N, C-alpha and C. Protein backbone atom coordinates (compact mmCIF):
# COMPACT_ATOMS: atom_id res chain seq x y z
N MET A 1 47.55 -36.96 -41.68
CA MET A 1 48.25 -36.32 -40.42
C MET A 1 49.52 -35.34 -41.47
N THR A 2 49.78 -34.15 -40.80
CA THR A 2 50.45 -33.46 -41.72
C THR A 2 52.06 -33.81 -40.70
N LEU A 3 52.76 -33.37 -41.35
CA LEU A 3 54.12 -33.38 -40.72
C LEU A 3 54.79 -32.73 -39.50
N ASN A 4 54.24 -31.62 -39.35
CA ASN A 4 54.34 -30.92 -37.87
C ASN A 4 53.26 -31.57 -36.92
N ARG A 5 52.44 -32.18 -36.95
CA ARG A 5 51.83 -32.91 -35.73
C ARG A 5 52.37 -34.30 -35.51
N PHE A 6 53.12 -35.33 -36.88
CA PHE A 6 53.64 -35.89 -36.39
C PHE A 6 55.08 -36.00 -35.76
N HIS A 7 55.69 -34.92 -35.99
CA HIS A 7 56.88 -34.72 -35.27
C HIS A 7 56.67 -34.17 -34.55
N LEU A 8 55.42 -33.57 -33.91
CA LEU A 8 55.24 -33.14 -32.10
C LEU A 8 54.79 -34.51 -31.30
N LEU A 9 54.62 -35.46 -32.12
CA LEU A 9 54.14 -36.43 -31.25
C LEU A 9 54.80 -37.57 -30.51
N PHE A 10 54.58 -37.95 -29.37
CA PHE A 10 55.45 -38.87 -28.76
C PHE A 10 56.76 -38.49 -27.76
N ALA A 11 56.19 -37.69 -26.64
CA ALA A 11 57.29 -37.59 -25.83
C ALA A 11 57.49 -39.24 -24.86
N LEU A 12 57.66 -40.31 -25.96
CA LEU A 12 58.06 -41.29 -25.67
C LEU A 12 59.40 -41.43 -24.36
N SER A 13 60.26 -40.67 -24.24
CA SER A 13 61.11 -40.44 -22.69
C SER A 13 60.56 -40.60 -21.45
N ALA A 14 59.26 -40.07 -21.83
CA ALA A 14 58.59 -39.86 -20.28
C ALA A 14 57.61 -41.16 -20.11
N VAL A 15 58.12 -41.98 -21.05
CA VAL A 15 56.61 -43.26 -20.65
C VAL A 15 58.11 -44.46 -20.71
N MET A 16 59.25 -44.63 -21.50
CA MET A 16 59.82 -45.60 -21.84
C MET A 16 60.17 -45.82 -20.48
N SER A 17 60.37 -47.45 -20.32
CA SER A 17 60.99 -47.99 -19.02
C SER A 17 61.25 -49.37 -19.31
N ILE A 18 61.89 -49.56 -18.48
CA ILE A 18 63.04 -51.04 -18.46
C ILE A 18 62.27 -51.94 -17.51
N LEU A 19 62.17 -53.32 -18.56
CA LEU A 19 61.73 -54.26 -16.91
C LEU A 19 62.87 -55.35 -17.35
N PHE A 20 63.37 -55.61 -15.89
CA PHE A 20 64.44 -56.61 -15.46
C PHE A 20 63.90 -57.89 -15.29
N ALA A 21 65.16 -58.85 -15.70
CA ALA A 21 64.60 -60.43 -15.24
C ALA A 21 64.28 -60.55 -13.59
N GLY A 22 63.54 -60.56 -13.18
CA GLY A 22 63.36 -60.76 -11.46
C GLY A 22 63.43 -59.79 -10.78
N CYS A 23 63.01 -58.33 -11.32
CA CYS A 23 63.06 -57.69 -10.26
C CYS A 23 62.24 -56.34 -10.98
N GLY A 24 61.87 -55.23 -10.53
CA GLY A 24 61.69 -54.06 -10.91
C GLY A 24 62.34 -53.42 -10.70
N GLY A 25 62.86 -52.05 -11.24
CA GLY A 25 63.81 -51.04 -11.19
C GLY A 25 62.98 -50.35 -9.93
N GLY A 26 64.21 -49.38 -9.04
CA GLY A 26 63.96 -49.08 -7.89
C GLY A 26 64.81 -47.93 -8.04
N GLY A 27 63.89 -46.73 -6.61
CA GLY A 27 64.34 -45.72 -7.09
C GLY A 27 64.42 -44.55 -7.95
N GLU A 28 64.62 -43.33 -7.95
CA GLU A 28 64.74 -42.18 -8.52
C GLU A 28 66.13 -41.75 -9.16
N ALA A 29 66.02 -41.54 -10.22
CA ALA A 29 67.23 -41.28 -11.01
C ALA A 29 67.56 -40.30 -11.58
N THR A 30 68.49 -38.53 -11.30
CA THR A 30 68.26 -37.56 -11.82
C THR A 30 69.36 -37.17 -13.24
N GLN A 31 69.92 -38.75 -13.55
CA GLN A 31 70.89 -38.51 -14.80
C GLN A 31 69.83 -39.38 -15.58
N ALA A 32 70.34 -39.55 -16.34
CA ALA A 32 69.94 -40.55 -17.72
C ALA A 32 69.57 -41.72 -17.03
N GLN A 33 68.83 -42.51 -17.66
CA GLN A 33 68.41 -43.95 -16.99
C GLN A 33 69.13 -45.03 -17.84
N SER A 34 69.39 -45.66 -16.77
CA SER A 34 70.86 -46.21 -17.34
C SER A 34 70.27 -47.78 -16.92
N ILE A 35 70.69 -49.03 -17.74
CA ILE A 35 70.32 -50.64 -17.55
C ILE A 35 71.44 -51.22 -18.11
N GLY A 36 71.44 -52.49 -17.20
CA GLY A 36 73.08 -53.21 -17.34
C GLY A 36 72.65 -54.40 -18.25
N PRO A 37 73.39 -55.23 -18.84
CA PRO A 37 73.22 -56.33 -18.97
C PRO A 37 72.16 -57.30 -18.96
N GLN A 38 71.74 -57.15 -17.80
CA GLN A 38 70.88 -57.96 -17.21
C GLN A 38 69.51 -57.50 -17.69
N ALA A 39 68.97 -56.68 -18.20
CA ALA A 39 67.88 -55.89 -18.90
C ALA A 39 67.84 -56.87 -19.93
N GLN A 40 66.37 -57.36 -19.83
CA GLN A 40 65.93 -58.26 -21.17
C GLN A 40 65.17 -57.40 -22.14
N THR A 41 64.10 -56.94 -21.49
CA THR A 41 62.74 -55.88 -22.23
C THR A 41 62.95 -54.14 -21.80
N LEU A 42 62.76 -53.96 -23.10
CA LEU A 42 62.04 -52.41 -23.35
C LEU A 42 61.06 -52.10 -23.51
N ALA A 43 60.23 -51.81 -22.63
CA ALA A 43 58.61 -51.37 -22.51
C ALA A 43 58.05 -50.23 -22.14
N TRP A 44 57.02 -49.81 -23.34
CA TRP A 44 56.89 -48.41 -23.68
C TRP A 44 55.47 -48.09 -23.20
N ASP A 45 54.58 -46.97 -23.20
CA ASP A 45 53.28 -46.89 -23.41
C ASP A 45 52.98 -46.23 -24.46
N PRO A 46 52.51 -46.82 -25.48
CA PRO A 46 52.02 -46.01 -26.76
C PRO A 46 51.65 -45.18 -26.47
N PRO A 47 51.78 -44.01 -27.63
CA PRO A 47 51.31 -42.90 -27.40
C PRO A 47 49.79 -42.53 -27.48
N GLN A 48 48.88 -41.78 -27.04
CA GLN A 48 47.51 -41.72 -27.19
C GLN A 48 47.25 -40.02 -27.61
N THR A 49 48.24 -39.46 -27.42
CA THR A 49 47.93 -37.63 -28.13
C THR A 49 49.31 -37.42 -28.65
N TYR A 50 49.51 -36.07 -29.44
CA TYR A 50 50.04 -35.54 -29.73
C TYR A 50 50.75 -34.89 -28.98
N VAL A 51 51.80 -34.36 -29.22
CA VAL A 51 52.45 -33.27 -27.95
C VAL A 51 51.51 -32.02 -27.58
N ASP A 52 51.13 -31.54 -28.86
CA ASP A 52 49.93 -30.69 -28.75
C ASP A 52 48.44 -31.04 -28.33
N ASN A 53 48.34 -32.45 -27.57
CA ASN A 53 47.48 -32.59 -27.11
C ASN A 53 45.93 -32.60 -28.20
N SER A 54 46.22 -33.26 -29.18
CA SER A 54 45.17 -33.37 -30.26
C SER A 54 44.98 -35.02 -30.03
N ALA A 55 43.91 -36.08 -30.35
CA ALA A 55 44.09 -37.12 -29.88
C ALA A 55 44.42 -37.72 -31.24
N MET A 56 44.90 -38.86 -30.61
CA MET A 56 45.27 -39.87 -32.25
C MET A 56 44.65 -41.12 -31.61
N ASP A 57 44.91 -42.21 -32.94
CA ASP A 57 44.62 -43.33 -33.00
C ASP A 57 46.01 -44.35 -33.37
N PRO A 58 46.94 -44.84 -31.87
CA PRO A 58 47.90 -45.61 -32.38
C PRO A 58 47.77 -46.83 -33.30
N TYR A 59 46.04 -47.12 -33.12
CA TYR A 59 46.21 -48.70 -33.79
C TYR A 59 45.84 -48.24 -35.23
N ARG A 60 45.39 -47.21 -35.66
CA ARG A 60 45.38 -46.63 -36.58
C ARG A 60 46.70 -45.90 -37.74
N GLU A 61 47.04 -44.92 -36.95
CA GLU A 61 48.29 -43.96 -36.99
C GLU A 61 49.62 -44.19 -37.32
N ILE A 62 50.14 -45.09 -35.93
CA ILE A 62 51.45 -45.95 -35.98
C ILE A 62 51.42 -47.11 -37.01
N ASP A 63 52.48 -47.35 -38.19
CA ASP A 63 52.93 -48.11 -38.56
C ASP A 63 53.83 -48.99 -37.89
N TYR A 64 55.04 -48.62 -37.31
CA TYR A 64 56.00 -49.24 -36.63
C TYR A 64 56.64 -48.41 -35.95
N TYR A 65 57.86 -48.95 -34.92
CA TYR A 65 58.60 -48.18 -34.04
C TYR A 65 60.03 -48.71 -34.71
N GLU A 66 60.92 -47.54 -34.60
CA GLU A 66 62.18 -48.04 -34.96
C GLU A 66 63.47 -47.85 -33.68
N PHE A 67 64.08 -48.57 -33.68
CA PHE A 67 65.05 -49.00 -32.50
C PHE A 67 66.74 -48.51 -32.79
N TYR A 68 67.36 -47.60 -32.51
CA TYR A 68 68.75 -46.88 -32.28
C TYR A 68 69.51 -47.42 -31.58
N ILE A 69 70.70 -47.72 -31.58
CA ILE A 69 71.95 -47.86 -30.91
C ILE A 69 72.86 -47.14 -31.06
N GLY A 70 73.76 -46.82 -30.49
CA GLY A 70 74.95 -46.15 -30.49
C GLY A 70 75.81 -45.79 -29.50
N SER A 71 77.05 -45.06 -29.89
CA SER A 71 77.94 -45.28 -28.82
C SER A 71 77.87 -43.28 -28.25
N ASP A 72 76.92 -42.67 -29.08
CA ASP A 72 76.84 -41.47 -28.57
C ASP A 72 75.46 -41.11 -28.54
N PRO A 73 74.97 -40.28 -27.67
CA PRO A 73 73.07 -39.85 -27.34
C PRO A 73 72.74 -38.97 -27.95
N ASN A 74 73.45 -38.67 -29.16
CA ASN A 74 72.63 -37.86 -29.90
C ASN A 74 72.69 -38.43 -31.27
N PHE A 75 71.35 -38.78 -31.49
CA PHE A 75 70.80 -39.65 -32.96
C PHE A 75 70.44 -38.45 -33.22
N THR A 76 70.55 -39.06 -34.87
CA THR A 76 70.41 -37.79 -36.18
C THR A 76 69.61 -38.64 -37.24
N ASP A 77 68.77 -38.00 -38.10
CA ASP A 77 67.85 -38.18 -38.91
C ASP A 77 68.90 -38.90 -40.04
N ASN A 78 70.03 -39.22 -39.93
CA ASN A 78 71.20 -39.70 -40.84
C ASN A 78 71.49 -41.18 -40.31
N GLU A 79 71.10 -41.46 -39.36
CA GLU A 79 71.07 -43.02 -38.87
C GLU A 79 69.99 -44.19 -38.93
N ALA A 80 70.46 -45.13 -39.58
CA ALA A 80 69.70 -46.01 -39.86
C ALA A 80 69.54 -46.84 -38.33
N PRO A 81 68.34 -46.91 -38.47
CA PRO A 81 67.53 -47.94 -37.32
C PRO A 81 68.48 -49.41 -37.60
N VAL A 82 68.67 -49.93 -36.06
CA VAL A 82 68.90 -51.90 -36.66
C VAL A 82 67.89 -52.49 -36.29
N ALA A 83 66.75 -51.87 -35.65
CA ALA A 83 65.61 -52.89 -35.64
C ALA A 83 64.43 -52.48 -35.61
N GLN A 84 63.17 -52.52 -36.43
CA GLN A 84 61.81 -52.14 -36.59
C GLN A 84 60.96 -53.26 -35.72
N VAL A 85 59.63 -52.91 -35.08
CA VAL A 85 58.60 -53.97 -34.54
C VAL A 85 57.20 -52.86 -35.03
N ALA A 86 56.44 -53.81 -35.35
CA ALA A 86 55.28 -53.20 -36.37
C ALA A 86 54.09 -52.69 -34.75
N GLY A 87 53.42 -51.76 -34.86
CA GLY A 87 52.78 -50.85 -34.03
C GLY A 87 51.59 -51.29 -33.22
N VAL A 88 51.20 -52.32 -34.12
CA VAL A 88 49.93 -53.26 -34.19
C VAL A 88 50.54 -54.87 -34.15
N THR A 89 50.22 -55.72 -33.55
CA THR A 89 49.72 -56.64 -33.66
C THR A 89 48.75 -57.43 -33.69
N ASN A 90 48.38 -58.51 -34.53
CA ASN A 90 47.16 -59.30 -34.43
C ASN A 90 47.51 -60.66 -33.73
N VAL A 91 46.81 -60.63 -32.79
CA VAL A 91 46.78 -62.19 -32.02
C VAL A 91 45.80 -62.83 -32.25
N LEU A 92 46.30 -64.10 -32.27
CA LEU A 92 44.90 -65.06 -32.70
C LEU A 92 44.28 -65.41 -31.06
N ASN A 93 42.52 -65.36 -30.98
CA ASN A 93 42.08 -65.57 -29.99
C ASN A 93 42.00 -67.22 -29.67
N PRO A 94 41.03 -66.90 -28.53
CA PRO A 94 41.36 -68.91 -27.99
C PRO A 94 40.54 -69.42 -29.51
N ASP A 95 39.21 -68.81 -30.02
CA ASP A 95 38.95 -69.47 -30.77
C ASP A 95 39.37 -70.55 -32.29
N GLY A 96 40.63 -69.75 -32.61
CA GLY A 96 41.62 -70.35 -33.52
C GLY A 96 41.19 -69.64 -34.47
N HIS A 97 40.26 -68.91 -34.94
CA HIS A 97 39.52 -68.24 -36.30
C HIS A 97 39.66 -66.81 -36.23
N SER A 98 39.84 -66.14 -35.36
CA SER A 98 39.83 -64.70 -35.45
C SER A 98 40.66 -64.21 -34.63
N TYR A 99 41.17 -62.63 -34.94
CA TYR A 99 42.48 -62.14 -34.38
C TYR A 99 41.92 -60.72 -33.87
N THR A 100 42.48 -60.30 -32.56
CA THR A 100 42.43 -59.31 -31.73
C THR A 100 43.85 -58.45 -31.75
N GLN A 101 43.77 -57.05 -32.48
CA GLN A 101 44.89 -55.63 -32.65
C GLN A 101 45.06 -55.65 -30.92
N THR A 102 46.24 -55.98 -30.71
CA THR A 102 46.98 -55.05 -30.07
C THR A 102 48.12 -54.15 -29.78
N LEU A 103 48.12 -53.40 -29.09
CA LEU A 103 49.24 -52.48 -29.47
C LEU A 103 50.70 -52.98 -28.83
N THR A 104 51.70 -52.71 -29.55
CA THR A 104 53.01 -53.06 -29.58
C THR A 104 53.57 -52.56 -28.56
N SER A 105 54.23 -52.81 -27.21
CA SER A 105 54.63 -52.11 -25.83
C SER A 105 55.58 -52.63 -25.13
N GLU A 106 56.54 -53.74 -26.22
CA GLU A 106 57.69 -54.26 -25.23
C GLU A 106 59.01 -54.61 -26.90
N PHE A 107 59.90 -54.76 -26.48
CA PHE A 107 60.53 -55.23 -27.74
C PHE A 107 61.78 -55.90 -26.68
N SER A 108 61.89 -57.24 -26.88
CA SER A 108 63.19 -58.22 -26.52
C SER A 108 64.52 -57.45 -26.51
N LEU A 109 65.25 -56.65 -25.50
CA LEU A 109 66.41 -56.33 -26.01
C LEU A 109 67.86 -57.52 -26.69
N GLY A 110 67.45 -58.60 -26.43
CA GLY A 110 68.39 -59.72 -27.02
C GLY A 110 68.18 -59.24 -28.72
N ASN A 111 67.21 -58.82 -29.46
CA ASN A 111 67.46 -58.59 -30.93
C ASN A 111 68.57 -57.74 -31.15
N LEU A 112 68.59 -56.91 -30.22
CA LEU A 112 69.75 -55.70 -30.60
C LEU A 112 71.52 -56.34 -30.31
N LEU A 113 71.28 -57.53 -29.72
CA LEU A 113 72.66 -57.92 -29.41
C LEU A 113 73.15 -58.45 -30.55
N PRO A 114 73.09 -58.44 -31.59
CA PRO A 114 74.47 -58.53 -32.52
C PRO A 114 74.66 -57.52 -33.37
N PHE A 115 74.23 -56.12 -32.51
CA PHE A 115 74.38 -55.03 -33.17
C PHE A 115 75.86 -54.49 -31.99
N THR A 116 75.73 -54.98 -30.96
CA THR A 116 76.60 -54.50 -29.80
C THR A 116 78.11 -55.31 -29.72
N GLN A 117 78.73 -55.19 -28.96
CA GLN A 117 80.08 -55.73 -28.62
C GLN A 117 79.87 -55.92 -26.79
N PRO A 118 80.36 -56.69 -26.36
CA PRO A 118 80.07 -57.01 -24.63
C PRO A 118 81.39 -56.40 -24.34
N GLY A 119 81.01 -55.51 -23.30
CA GLY A 119 82.15 -54.49 -22.48
C GLY A 119 82.25 -53.27 -22.65
N ALA A 120 80.69 -52.37 -23.73
CA ALA A 120 80.52 -51.72 -24.37
C ALA A 120 79.52 -51.07 -23.73
N VAL A 121 79.61 -49.63 -23.74
CA VAL A 121 78.38 -49.00 -23.55
C VAL A 121 77.80 -47.78 -24.42
N TYR A 122 76.02 -48.34 -24.79
CA TYR A 122 75.69 -47.94 -25.56
C TYR A 122 74.60 -46.87 -25.23
N TYR A 123 73.56 -46.29 -26.06
CA TYR A 123 72.80 -45.65 -26.10
C TYR A 123 71.83 -46.07 -27.09
N LEU A 124 70.37 -46.51 -26.48
CA LEU A 124 68.75 -46.60 -26.56
C LEU A 124 68.33 -45.49 -26.95
N SER A 125 67.50 -45.59 -28.78
CA SER A 125 66.69 -44.51 -28.64
C SER A 125 65.46 -45.36 -29.66
N ILE A 126 63.86 -44.74 -29.44
CA ILE A 126 63.39 -45.45 -30.19
C ILE A 126 62.36 -44.38 -30.58
N ARG A 127 61.52 -44.55 -32.08
CA ARG A 127 61.15 -43.38 -32.76
C ARG A 127 59.65 -44.08 -33.24
N ALA A 128 58.80 -43.73 -33.44
CA ALA A 128 57.62 -44.62 -34.00
C ALA A 128 57.45 -43.54 -35.78
N VAL A 129 56.98 -44.48 -36.66
CA VAL A 129 56.91 -43.92 -38.01
C VAL A 129 55.24 -44.26 -38.16
N GLY A 130 54.28 -43.25 -38.70
CA GLY A 130 52.93 -43.18 -39.12
C GLY A 130 52.90 -44.13 -40.54
N ILE A 131 51.64 -44.89 -40.44
CA ILE A 131 51.27 -45.34 -41.57
C ILE A 131 51.56 -43.89 -43.04
N ASP A 132 51.90 -42.93 -42.46
CA ASP A 132 52.01 -41.86 -43.76
C ASP A 132 53.67 -41.89 -44.14
N GLY A 133 54.26 -42.49 -42.97
CA GLY A 133 55.49 -42.70 -43.36
C GLY A 133 56.76 -41.25 -42.60
N LEU A 134 56.05 -40.58 -42.09
CA LEU A 134 56.63 -39.17 -41.00
C LEU A 134 57.01 -40.38 -39.51
N LYS A 135 57.46 -39.64 -39.25
CA LYS A 135 58.78 -40.02 -38.21
C LYS A 135 58.60 -38.95 -36.93
N SER A 136 58.71 -39.67 -35.74
CA SER A 136 58.65 -38.85 -34.50
C SER A 136 59.73 -38.16 -34.18
N GLY A 137 60.33 -37.54 -33.48
CA GLY A 137 61.56 -37.83 -32.59
C GLY A 137 61.85 -38.91 -32.07
N PHE A 138 63.01 -38.42 -31.58
CA PHE A 138 63.71 -39.62 -30.79
C PHE A 138 63.35 -39.38 -29.43
N SER A 139 63.13 -40.73 -28.95
CA SER A 139 62.87 -40.84 -27.46
C SER A 139 64.21 -40.30 -26.37
N GLU A 140 64.10 -39.77 -25.62
CA GLU A 140 64.89 -39.42 -24.26
C GLU A 140 66.27 -40.94 -24.35
N PRO A 141 67.48 -41.09 -24.97
CA PRO A 141 68.02 -42.03 -24.66
C PRO A 141 68.59 -42.67 -23.36
N ILE A 142 68.64 -43.94 -23.61
CA ILE A 142 69.01 -44.72 -22.07
C ILE A 142 69.90 -45.41 -22.50
N ILE A 143 70.85 -45.05 -21.37
CA ILE A 143 72.46 -45.65 -21.39
C ILE A 143 72.05 -47.67 -20.81
N TRP A 144 72.98 -48.08 -22.12
CA TRP A 144 72.92 -49.62 -22.12
C TRP A 144 74.14 -50.06 -21.55
N ASP A 145 74.17 -50.31 -20.08
CA ASP A 145 76.31 -50.92 -19.95
C ASP A 145 76.31 -52.34 -20.26
N LEU A 146 77.05 -52.68 -21.15
CA LEU A 146 76.87 -54.21 -21.16
C LEU A 146 78.62 -54.31 -20.57
N THR A 147 78.63 -53.50 -19.57
CA THR A 147 80.34 -54.75 -19.32
C THR A 147 79.86 -55.23 -17.93
C-alpha cells in the first residue's frame, strides 16, 4: 500500500457516532457533533474503501486505531495518541477451541478519563494505522463536554 493511498483512506468523520447510555442520539446537528459526560462508547464503521474508492480489506490492512483528545480541535502529526485499540479482535467461538476475527468498531470512553479533568471540554479524534505503519488523516473532531 502506498503512502498516498493510506493517507487518502478513511473519511471516519462521516461514519463516527456516539452511543449514549440508555438512549440514542436525536436530531440533526449543523455544527460539530457534541457529546456530554454521559457518553460511554465511541463507535464507528470500519472503512471498506480508500477515498479514491479503491477497495481495501480492513481485516488485513488496518493494524490499529489511535485515539486523540485535546483542548483544541486541530490535531497534528506531532501529537501523541492517548490510547490505541487493535483493528481486528479474535473472539473465542462457542466451541472453546477456535477464534473468529471481528473488526473493531467501538471504544469505551472510560479508557480516556485518566487523560481528562472533570469540568473541561475536549475534542476527540481517531485515525487508522495500517499494518505497514502508515496513518490515515484525523477524523473530524467531536466535542466531548465533561462539564
